[in-house]
Amino acid sequence: MQQPLQEQHTLIISALAQGLLPQTGSIPGAHQLPVTQMIADVVVQWDSGQREIFEQSLLYVDGLALDLLGARLVDLSDDQAVHFVSLIAQSEELSDFWEPMRKLLVLNYYALPPVYSELGFPGPSIDNGGLSAFA
């Protein structure tokens, strides 16, 4: 059995979720939903090398927040987290980390009923044969 992520890693994922997908009106933010745990469940299935790189990258971006904003990522306010995520999203140096991370966050977030139902989307349809383009 794979070891779960350490708490410091899950807190950093949650802070990134907060910065990318904050609460908007009545739609909860990604950090308020089980998005972090969903990602952690994926990461523990990775091979040890890929997982180690991911964990080191999380610690790197946490330290980067401290360098740039004077606080660790997990200690940033909502507005600061949004600002920090916009900075790393523009960084070519971090694109190998950020692009897959962003995709994991977004895909897991929009798969949750509190999000898709609030947006008026029908939700997952794979169990019903998928959506037809001609429906």
Protein backbone atom coordinates (compact mmCIF):
# COMPACT_ATOMS: atom_id res chain seq x y z
CA MET A 1 0.00 0.00 0.00
CA GLN A 2 1.26 3.45 -0.88
CA GLN A 3 1.99 5.94 1.88
CA PRO A 4 -0.39 8.93 1.98
CA LEU A 5 0.97 12.37 1.26
CA GLN A 6 2.37 14.23 4.23
CA GLU A 7 0.16 16.93 5.70
CA GLN A 8 2.51 19.70 4.53
CA HIS A 9 1.99 18.55 0.93
CA THR A 10 -1.79 18.35 1.19
CA LEU A 11 -1.91 21.81 2.77
CA ILE A 12 0.07 23.23 -0.14
CA ILE A 13 -2.25 21.56 -2.66
CA SER A 14 -5.22 23.05 -0.80
CA ALA A 15 -3.62 26.51 -0.88
CA LEU A 16 -3.03 26.20 -4.63
CA ALA A 17 -6.66 25.15 -5.02
CA GLN A 18 -7.70 28.21 -3.04
CA GLY A 19 -5.70 30.45 -5.35
CA LEU A 20 -6.88 28.88 -8.60
CA LEU A 21 -10.52 28.20 -7.81
CA PRO A 22 -11.63 30.45 -4.93
CA GLN A 23 -15.19 30.68 -3.70
CA THR A 24 -17.31 32.69 -6.13
CA GLY A 25 -20.72 33.73 -4.88
CA SER A 26 -22.56 30.58 -3.83
CA ILE A 27 -20.08 28.25 -5.56
CA PRO A 28 -17.61 26.88 -3.00
CA GLY A 29 -13.91 27.16 -3.65
CA ALA A 30 -11.83 24.10 -4.46
CA HIS A 31 -10.16 24.26 -1.05
CA GLN A 32 -13.60 23.92 0.58
CA LEU A 33 -14.36 20.68 -1.26
CA PRO A 34 -12.55 17.29 -1.32
CA VAL A 35 -10.41 18.34 -4.30
CA THR A 36 -7.18 18.11 -2.31
CA GLN A 37 -7.96 14.56 -1.19
CA MET A 38 -8.94 13.59 -4.74
CA ILE A 39 -5.53 14.76 -5.98
CA ALA A 40 -3.73 13.09 -3.09
CA ASP A 41 -5.47 9.83 -4.03
CA VAL A 42 -4.06 10.15 -7.55
CA VAL A 43 -0.54 11.12 -6.48
CA VAL A 44 -0.09 8.12 -4.16
CA GLN A 45 -0.55 5.87 -7.20
CA TRP A 46 2.39 7.43 -9.05
CA ASP A 47 5.78 5.76 -9.17
CA SER A 48 8.20 6.91 -6.49
CA GLY A 49 10.28 9.09 -8.82
CA GLN A 50 7.31 11.02 -10.19
CA ARG A 51 5.85 11.41 -6.72
CA GLU A 52 9.15 12.68 -5.28
CA ILE A 53 9.43 15.33 -8.00
CA PHE A 54 5.84 16.41 -7.33
CA GLU A 55 6.39 16.65 -3.58
CA GLN A 56 9.63 18.62 -4.06
CA SER A 57 7.81 20.94 -6.46
CA LEU A 58 5.12 21.58 -3.86
CA LEU A 59 7.78 22.53 -1.31
CA TYR A 60 9.51 24.71 -3.90
CA VAL A 61 6.37 26.74 -4.67
CA ASP A 62 5.69 27.05 -0.94
CA GLY A 63 9.18 28.52 -0.48
CA LEU A 64 8.68 30.72 -3.52
CA ALA A 65 5.59 32.25 -1.90
CA LEU A 66 7.72 33.03 1.16
CA ASP A 67 10.38 34.67 -1.01
CA LEU A 68 7.92 36.69 -3.11
CA LEU A 69 5.14 37.51 -0.65
CA GLY A 70 6.74 37.09 2.75
CA ALA A 71 4.55 34.18 3.83
CA ARG A 72 4.35 30.49 3.12
CA LEU A 73 1.70 29.51 0.62
CA VAL A 74 -0.45 27.94 3.32
CA ASP A 75 -0.48 31.24 5.25
CA LEU A 76 -1.56 33.50 2.38
CA SER A 77 -4.90 35.27 2.42
CA ASP A 78 -7.43 34.38 -0.28
CA ASP A 79 -6.42 37.41 -2.36
CA GLN A 80 -2.72 36.68 -1.94
CA ALA A 81 -3.25 33.04 -2.96
CA VAL A 82 -5.05 34.16 -6.13
CA HIS A 83 -2.22 36.60 -6.88
CA PHE A 84 0.46 33.97 -6.25
CA VAL A 85 -1.24 31.42 -8.49
CA SER A 86 -1.41 34.02 -11.26
CA LEU A 87 2.35 34.51 -10.89
CA ILE A 88 3.24 30.84 -11.08
CA ALA A 89 0.80 30.31 -13.95
CA GLN A 90 2.87 32.79 -15.98
CA SER A 91 6.21 31.24 -15.08
CA GLU A 92 7.82 29.16 -17.83
CA GLU A 93 10.16 27.68 -15.20
CA LEU A 94 7.18 26.22 -13.34
CA SER A 95 5.10 25.12 -16.33
CA ASP A 96 6.10 21.45 -16.03
CA PHE A 97 4.65 21.49 -12.52
CA TRP A 98 1.82 23.96 -12.95
CA GLU A 99 0.11 22.66 -16.09
CA PRO A 100 -0.58 19.14 -14.75
CA MET A 101 -1.40 20.57 -11.31
CA ARG A 102 -3.89 23.02 -12.79
CA LYS A 103 -5.53 20.24 -14.80
CA LEU A 104 -5.86 18.00 -11.74
CA LEU A 105 -7.39 20.84 -9.75
CA VAL A 106 -9.83 21.95 -12.44
CA LEU A 107 -10.99 18.50 -13.54
CA ASN A 108 -11.60 17.29 -10.00
CA TYR A 109 -13.30 20.56 -8.99
CA TYR A 110 -15.83 20.60 -11.83
CA ALA A 111 -16.63 16.91 -11.27
CA LEU A 112 -18.17 17.68 -7.87
CA PRO A 113 -21.96 18.12 -7.49
CA PRO A 114 -21.77 21.38 -5.48
CA VAL A 115 -19.96 22.95 -8.44
CA TYR A 116 -21.61 21.52 -11.54
CA SER A 117 -25.13 21.74 -10.08
CA GLU A 118 -24.63 25.37 -9.05
CA LEU A 119 -23.49 26.13 -12.60
CA GLY A 120 -26.53 24.38 -14.05
CA PHE A 121 -24.57 21.54 -15.62
CA PRO A 122 -26.04 18.03 -15.61
CA GLY A 123 -22.97 16.40 -14.11
CA PRO A 124 -21.28 13.18 -15.10
CA SER A 125 -23.11 11.25 -17.80
CA ILE A 126 -20.79 8.34 -18.46
CA ASP A 127 -23.11 5.93 -16.59
CA ASN A 128 -25.91 6.97 -18.95
CA GLY A 129 -23.96 6.51 -22.18
CA GLY A 130 -22.46 10.00 -22.28
CA LEU A 131 -23.86 13.12 -23.84
CA SER A 132 -24.94 13.11 -27.44
CA ALA A 133 -23.94 16.02 -29.62
CA PHE A 134 -27.30 15.62 -31.36
CA ALA A 135 -29.52 15.56 -28.28
